[in-house]
C-alpha atoms as a PDB file:
ATOM      1  CA  MET A   1     144.974 113.297  95.007  1.00  0.00           C
ATOM      2  CA  SER A   2     142.449 110.425  93.430  1.00  0.00           C
ATOM      3  CA  PRO A   3     139.990 111.868  90.235  1.00  0.00           C
ATOM      4  CA  PRO A   4     137.384 111.596  92.151  1.00  0.00           C
ATOM      5  CA  GLU A   5     138.722 114.150  94.691  1.00  0.00           C
ATOM      6  CA  ALA A   6     140.179 116.185  91.813  1.00  0.00           C
ATOM      7  CA  ALA A   7     137.150 116.666  90.204  1.00  0.00           C
ATOM      8  CA  GLU A   8     135.565 117.812  93.675  1.00  0.00           C
ATOM      9  CA  ALA A   9     138.788 119.792  93.646  1.00  0.00           C
ATOM     10  CA  CYS A  10     138.242 120.915  89.939  1.00  0.00           C
ATOM     11  CA  LEU A  11     134.671 121.870  90.619  1.00  0.00           C
ATOM     12  CA  ALA A  12     135.044 123.885  93.551  1.00  0.00           C
ATOM     13  CA  LEU A  13     138.010 125.724  91.929  1.00  0.00           C
ATOM     14  CA  LEU A  14     136.031 126.772  88.833  1.00  0.00           C
ATOM     15  CA  ARG A  15     133.134 128.121  91.273  1.00  0.00           C
ATOM     16  CA  ALA A  16     136.021 130.101  93.266  1.00  0.00           C
ATOM     17  CA  SER A  17     137.470 131.125  90.326  1.00  0.00           C
ATOM     18  CA  GLY A  18     134.095 132.722  88.756  1.00  0.00           C
ATOM     19  CA  LEU A  19     133.989 130.291  85.944  1.00  0.00           C
ATOM     20  CA  GLY A  20     131.320 127.806  87.441  1.00  0.00           C
ATOM     21  CA  GLY A  21     129.035 128.542  84.965  1.00  0.00           C
ATOM     22  CA  TRP A  22     129.855 126.557  82.016  1.00  0.00           C
ATOM     23  CA  ARG A  23     128.060 124.137  79.915  1.00  0.00           C
ATOM     24  CA  VAL A  24     131.078 122.313  77.996  1.00  0.00           C
ATOM     25  CA  LEU A  25     134.189 121.279  80.041  1.00  0.00           C
ATOM     26  CA  ALA A  26     136.939 119.404  78.216  1.00  0.00           C
ATOM     27  CA  VAL A  27     139.225 117.420  79.674  1.00  0.00           C
ATOM     28  CA  ALA A  28     142.450 116.283  77.638  1.00  0.00           C
ATOM     29  CA  GLY A  29     146.506 115.023  78.558  1.00  0.00           C
ATOM     30  CA  GLU A  30     148.168 111.963  77.207  1.00  0.00           C
ATOM     31  CA  SER A  31     147.506 108.178  76.365  1.00  0.00           C
ATOM     32  CA  GLY A  32     147.053 107.110  80.538  1.00  0.00           C
ATOM     33  CA  ALA A  33     146.964 110.489  82.113  1.00  0.00           C
ATOM     34  CA  GLY A  34     143.614 110.218  83.570  1.00  0.00           C
ATOM     35  CA  LYS A  35     141.349 111.705  81.281  1.00  0.00           C
ATOM     36  CA  SER A  36     138.552 109.076  81.283  1.00  0.00           C
ATOM     37  CA  THR A  37     138.270 108.664  85.041  1.00  0.00           C
ATOM     38  CA  LEU A  38     138.304 112.025  85.641  1.00  0.00           C
ATOM     39  CA  ALA A  39     135.725 113.299  83.131  1.00  0.00           C
ATOM     40  CA  GLU A  40     133.647 110.490  84.418  1.00  0.00           C
ATOM     41  CA  ALA A  41     134.085 111.958  88.135  1.00  0.00           C
ATOM     42  CA  LEU A  42     133.678 115.396  87.132  1.00  0.00           C
ATOM     43  CA  ALA A  43     130.299 114.204  85.048  1.00  0.00           C
ATOM     44  CA  ALA A  44     129.113 112.167  87.944  1.00  0.00           C
ATOM     45  CA  HIS A  45     129.818 115.522  90.382  1.00  0.00           C
ATOM     46  CA  ALA A  46     128.616 118.449  87.983  1.00  0.00           C
ATOM     47  CA  GLY A  47     125.574 116.190  86.603  1.00  0.00           C
ATOM     48  CA  ALA A  48     126.653 116.477  83.145  1.00  0.00           C
ATOM     49  CA  ALA A  49     126.186 114.231  80.178  1.00  0.00           C
ATOM     50  CA  LEU A  50     129.751 112.981  78.745  1.00  0.00           C
ATOM     51  CA  LEU A  51     131.293 112.432  75.236  1.00  0.00           C
ATOM     52  CA  HIS A  52     134.327 110.401  74.810  1.00  0.00           C
ATOM     53  CA  GLN A  53     137.052 111.199  71.543  1.00  0.00           C
ATOM     54  CA  ASP A  54     137.833 107.161  71.675  1.00  0.00           C
ATOM     55  CA  ASP A  55     134.135 106.763  70.381  1.00  0.00           C
ATOM     56  CA  TYR A  56     135.199 109.402  66.903  1.00  0.00           C
ATOM     57  CA  PHE A  57     137.828 107.584  65.493  1.00  0.00           C
ATOM     58  CA  ARG A  58     137.494 107.343  61.778  1.00  0.00           C
ATOM     59  CA  LEU A  59     138.121 103.378  62.410  1.00  0.00           C
ATOM     60  CA  PRO A  60     137.759 101.132  65.105  1.00  0.00           C
ATOM     61  CA  PRO A  61     140.514 100.318  67.630  1.00  0.00           C
ATOM     62  CA  ALA A  62     141.983  97.199  65.615  1.00  0.00           C
ATOM     63  CA  GLU A  63     141.938  98.813  61.980  1.00  0.00           C
ATOM     64  CA  ASN A  64     143.086 102.053  63.255  1.00  0.00           C
ATOM     65  CA  HIS A  65     145.880 100.059  65.205  1.00  0.00           C
ATOM     66  CA  ALA A  66     146.192  98.338  61.417  1.00  0.00           C
ATOM     67  CA  ALA A  67     146.482 102.013  59.408  1.00  0.00           C
ATOM     68  CA  ARG A  68     148.942 103.069  62.187  1.00  0.00           C
ATOM     69  CA  VAL A  69     151.404 100.272  61.447  1.00  0.00           C
ATOM     70  CA  GLN A  70     151.034 100.602  57.976  1.00  0.00           C
ATOM     71  CA  ASP A  71     151.774 104.603  58.059  1.00  0.00           C
ATOM     72  CA  PRO A  72     152.768 106.269  61.286  1.00  0.00           C
ATOM     73  CA  ALA A  73     152.436 109.794  59.925  1.00  0.00           C
ATOM     74  CA  ARG A  74     148.709 109.508  59.719  1.00  0.00           C
ATOM     75  CA  VAL A  75     148.918 109.350  64.222  1.00  0.00           C
ATOM     76  CA  GLY A  76     147.311 112.707  65.462  1.00  0.00           C
ATOM     77  CA  PRO A  77     143.861 114.061  65.015  1.00  0.00           C
ATOM     78  CA  GLY A  78     143.556 113.166  61.531  1.00  0.00           C
ATOM     79  CA  GLU A  79     142.730 109.607  63.158  1.00  0.00           C
ATOM     80  CA  VAL A  80     139.352 111.099  65.110  1.00  0.00           C
ATOM     81  CA  ASP A  81     136.622 112.485  63.361  1.00  0.00           C
ATOM     82  CA  LEU A  82     136.572 115.590  65.103  1.00  0.00           C
ATOM     83  CA  GLU A  83     133.716 117.640  63.279  1.00  0.00           C
ATOM     84  CA  ARG A  84     131.692 115.451  64.257  1.00  0.00           C
ATOM     85  CA  LEU A  85     132.146 115.730  67.963  1.00  0.00           C
ATOM     86  CA  ALA A  86     132.134 119.275  67.674  1.00  0.00           C
ATOM     87  CA  ALA A  87     128.671 118.897  65.757  1.00  0.00           C
ATOM     88  CA  HIS A  88     127.415 117.149  68.183  1.00  0.00           C
ATOM     89  CA  VAL A  89     128.848 119.222  71.298  1.00  0.00           C
ATOM     90  CA  ALA A  90     127.038 122.025  69.296  1.00  0.00           C
ATOM     91  CA  ALA A  91     123.885 119.988  68.828  1.00  0.00           C
ATOM     92  CA  PHE A  92     124.026 119.849  72.698  1.00  0.00           C
ATOM     93  CA  ILE A  93     124.178 123.351  73.383  1.00  0.00           C
ATOM     94  CA  ALA A  94     121.282 124.000  70.634  1.00  0.00           C
ATOM     95  CA  GLY A  95     119.407 121.197  72.751  1.00  0.00           C
ATOM     96  CA  ALA A  96     119.690 118.283  71.135  1.00  0.00           C
ATOM     97  CA  THR A  97     118.819 115.328  73.731  1.00  0.00           C
ATOM     98  CA  ARG A  98     121.304 112.267  72.231  1.00  0.00           C
ATOM     99  CA  VAL A  99     123.669 112.056  69.394  1.00  0.00           C
ATOM    100  CA  GLN A 100     125.195 108.666  67.875  1.00  0.00           C
ATOM    101  CA  PRO A 101     129.217 108.450  68.020  1.00  0.00           C
ATOM    102  CA  PRO A 102     130.307 106.574  65.247  1.00  0.00           C
ATOM    103  CA  LEU A 103     131.779 103.642  67.160  1.00  0.00           C
ATOM    104  CA  LEU A 104     128.732 103.097  69.764  1.00  0.00           C
ATOM    105  CA  ALA A 105     126.236 100.694  68.792  1.00  0.00           C
ATOM    106  CA  ALA A 106     123.635 103.083  71.144  1.00  0.00           C
ATOM    107  CA  PRO A 107     122.897 106.840  70.830  1.00  0.00           C
ATOM    108  CA  VAL A 108     124.652 108.605  74.081  1.00  0.00           C
ATOM    109  CA  ALA A 109     121.956 110.986  75.613  1.00  0.00           C
ATOM    110  CA  LEU A 110     122.928 114.750  76.354  1.00  0.00           C
ATOM    111  CA  LEU A 111     119.549 115.202  78.663  1.00  0.00           C
ATOM    112  CA  ARG A 112     121.706 117.370  81.115  1.00  0.00           C
ATOM    113  CA  PRO A 113     122.354 120.931  82.149  1.00  0.00           C
ATOM    114  CA  CYS A 114     125.959 120.715  81.114  1.00  0.00           C
ATOM    115  CA  LEU A 115     128.372 118.434  78.671  1.00  0.00           C
ATOM    116  CA  VAL A 116     131.644 117.084  79.496  1.00  0.00           C
ATOM    117  CA  VAL A 117     134.410 115.886  76.643  1.00  0.00           C
ATOM    118  CA  GLU A 118     137.264 113.926  77.393  1.00  0.00           C
ATOM    119  CA  GLY A 119     140.143 112.883  74.741  1.00  0.00           C
ATOM    120  CA  THR A 120     143.934 113.802  73.612  1.00  0.00           C
ATOM    121  CA  TYR A 121     142.484 116.435  71.577  1.00  0.00           C
ATOM    122  CA  VAL A 122     139.375 117.852  72.643  1.00  0.00           C
ATOM    123  CA  LEU A 123     140.617 121.474  73.434  1.00  0.00           C
ATOM    124  CA  GLY A 124     140.792 121.864  70.029  1.00  0.00           C
ATOM    125  CA  LEU A 125     137.389 121.658  69.526  1.00  0.00           C
ATOM    126  CA  PRO A 126     135.195 125.081  69.505  1.00  0.00           C
ATOM    127  CA  SER A 127     132.299 125.842  72.283  1.00  0.00           C
ATOM    128  CA  VAL A 128     134.611 124.638  75.350  1.00  0.00           C
ATOM    129  CA  ASP A 129     134.000 126.862  77.969  1.00  0.00           C
ATOM    130  CA  VAL A 130     136.119 125.733  79.844  1.00  0.00           C
ATOM    131  CA  GLY A 131     139.162 123.498  79.111  1.00  0.00           C
ATOM    132  CA  ILE A 132     141.291 120.867  81.727  1.00  0.00           C
ATOM    133  CA  PHE A 133     144.567 119.381  80.848  1.00  0.00           C
ATOM    134  CA  ILE A 134     146.097 116.963  82.772  1.00  0.00           C
ATOM    135  CA  ASP A 135     150.032 117.636  82.621  1.00  0.00           C
ATOM    136  CA  ARG A 136     151.211 114.263  82.469  1.00  0.00           C
ATOM    137  CA  THR A 137     153.867 112.630  79.905  1.00  0.00           C
ATOM    138  CA  PHE A 138     153.338 109.249  78.198  1.00  0.00           C
ATOM    139  CA  LEU A 139     156.966 107.942  80.421  1.00  0.00           C
ATOM    140  CA  GLN A 140     155.042 109.335  83.516  1.00  0.00           C
ATOM    141  CA  THR A 141     151.982 107.183  82.999  1.00  0.00           C
ATOM    142  CA  ARG A 142     153.863 103.947  81.928  1.00  0.00           C
ATOM    143  CA  ALA A 143     152.461 102.248  84.975  1.00  0.00           C
ATOM    144  CA  ASP A 144     149.046 103.511  84.511  1.00  0.00           C
ATOM    145  CA  ARG A 145     149.098 102.018  80.850  1.00  0.00           C
ATOM    146  CA  GLU A 146     150.091  98.723  81.845  1.00  0.00           C
ATOM    147  CA  ARG A 147     147.566  98.603  84.191  1.00  0.00           C
ATOM    148  CA  ARG A 148     144.984  99.351  82.140  1.00  0.00           C
ATOM    149  CA  GLY A 149     146.251  96.874  79.714  1.00  0.00           C
ATOM    150  CA  ARG A 150     144.269  98.044  76.566  1.00  0.00           C
ATOM    151  CA  ASP A 151     147.224  98.976  74.625  1.00  0.00           C
ATOM    152  CA  PRO A 152     150.250  96.084  74.034  1.00  0.00           C
ATOM    153  CA  MET A 153     153.386  98.166  75.678  1.00  0.00           C
ATOM    154  CA  ASP A 154     155.793  97.457  72.814  1.00  0.00           C
ATOM    155  CA  PRO A 155     158.222  99.509  70.988  1.00  0.00           C
ATOM    156  CA  PHE A 156     155.754 100.601  68.182  1.00  0.00           C
ATOM    157  CA  ILE A 157     153.293 102.337  70.736  1.00  0.00           C
ATOM    158  CA  GLU A 158     155.768 104.025  72.759  1.00  0.00           C
ATOM    159  CA  GLN A 159     156.744 105.795  68.980  1.00  0.00           C
ATOM    160  CA  VAL A 160     152.665 106.687  68.723  1.00  0.00           C
ATOM    161  CA  LEU A 161     152.534 108.100  71.959  1.00  0.00           C
ATOM    162  CA  LEU A 162     156.394 110.407  71.234  1.00  0.00           C
ATOM    163  CA  ARG A 163     154.705 111.427  67.689  1.00  0.00           C
ATOM    164  CA  GLU A 164     151.089 112.140  69.489  1.00  0.00           C
ATOM    165  CA  GLN A 165     153.377 114.328  72.625  1.00  0.00           C
ATOM    166  CA  PRO A 166     153.784 117.074  70.464  1.00  0.00           C
ATOM    167  CA  GLN A 167     150.611 117.773  69.195  1.00  0.00           C
ATOM    168  CA  ILE A 168     149.037 116.944  72.336  1.00  0.00           C
ATOM    169  CA  ARG A 169     150.748 119.524  74.387  1.00  0.00           C
ATOM    170  CA  ALA A 170     150.287 122.093  71.877  1.00  0.00           C
ATOM    171  CA  LEU A 171     146.654 122.474  72.849  1.00  0.00           C
ATOM    172  CA  ALA A 172     147.891 122.930  76.535  1.00  0.00           C
ATOM    173  CA  PRO A 173     147.609 126.164  76.606  1.00  0.00           C
ATOM    174  CA  ARG A 174     143.860 126.139  75.777  1.00  0.00           C
ATOM    175  CA  ALA A 175     142.953 124.938  79.181  1.00  0.00           C
ATOM    176  CA  ARG A 176     142.335 127.504  82.524  1.00  0.00           C
ATOM    177  CA  VAL A 177     142.922 124.362  84.943  1.00  0.00           C
ATOM    178  CA  VAL A 178     146.003 121.970  84.599  1.00  0.00           C
ATOM    179  CA  LEU A 179     146.594 119.407  86.842  1.00  0.00           C
ATOM    180  CA  ASP A 180     149.542 118.144  87.664  1.00  0.00           C
ATOM    181  CA  ALA A 181     151.014 115.032  88.234  1.00  0.00           C
ATOM    182  CA  ASP A 182     149.588 114.318  91.400  1.00  0.00           C
ATOM    183  CA  PHE A 183     146.129 115.381  90.168  1.00  0.00           C
ATOM    184  CA  THR A 184     146.195 118.587  92.253  1.00  0.00           C
ATOM    185  CA  PRO A 185     144.386 121.766  89.669  1.00  0.00           C
ATOM    186  CA  ARG A 186     145.456 124.867  89.655  1.00  0.00           C
ATOM    187  CA  LEU A 187     144.046 127.753  87.663  1.00  0.00           C
ATOM    188  CA  ARG A 188     145.946 129.147  84.482  1.00  0.00           C
ATOM    189  CA  GLU A 189     145.988 132.606  84.155  1.00  0.00           C
ATOM    190  CA  ALA A 190     143.653 134.084  81.054  1.00  0.00           C
END
């Protein structure tokens, strides 16, 4: 199933299960799992605003990579300004019309009835109505990451992903919807 088809299937599943009245939807998973593509499709189908966790890293990408090389123990949620991201989600709920993510030059417009937030650690945010977890490991997504070409494919990156994996998977039980490796969504019992 393609991510746009999965987005339609997720929204249909949420409506059928009585969870269709969400305001904030969070999409999480490991690197290369398809979070951004799914979140963009969900936002388009639902008429939602969209925030990307990657715009909330404390350091720009090249500096963050250098800091990871210098100290691999820093890999994890601490690299991301999750407090600011949570504040921006809260601002959306309170009626804000725009927010300014730290790594973007322009603000993000929030003039929509709902919000999709995507990233590896977003299931840990407060104020999320429904979480979606894409259940694909970094090993399963290697070909997708190579095709994306955003990060170098080297042993250090593999070590970073191995370090991130348990931290990301620890948040998975917070998701109400789980997408399996072929993007088929299923409802997780509450």
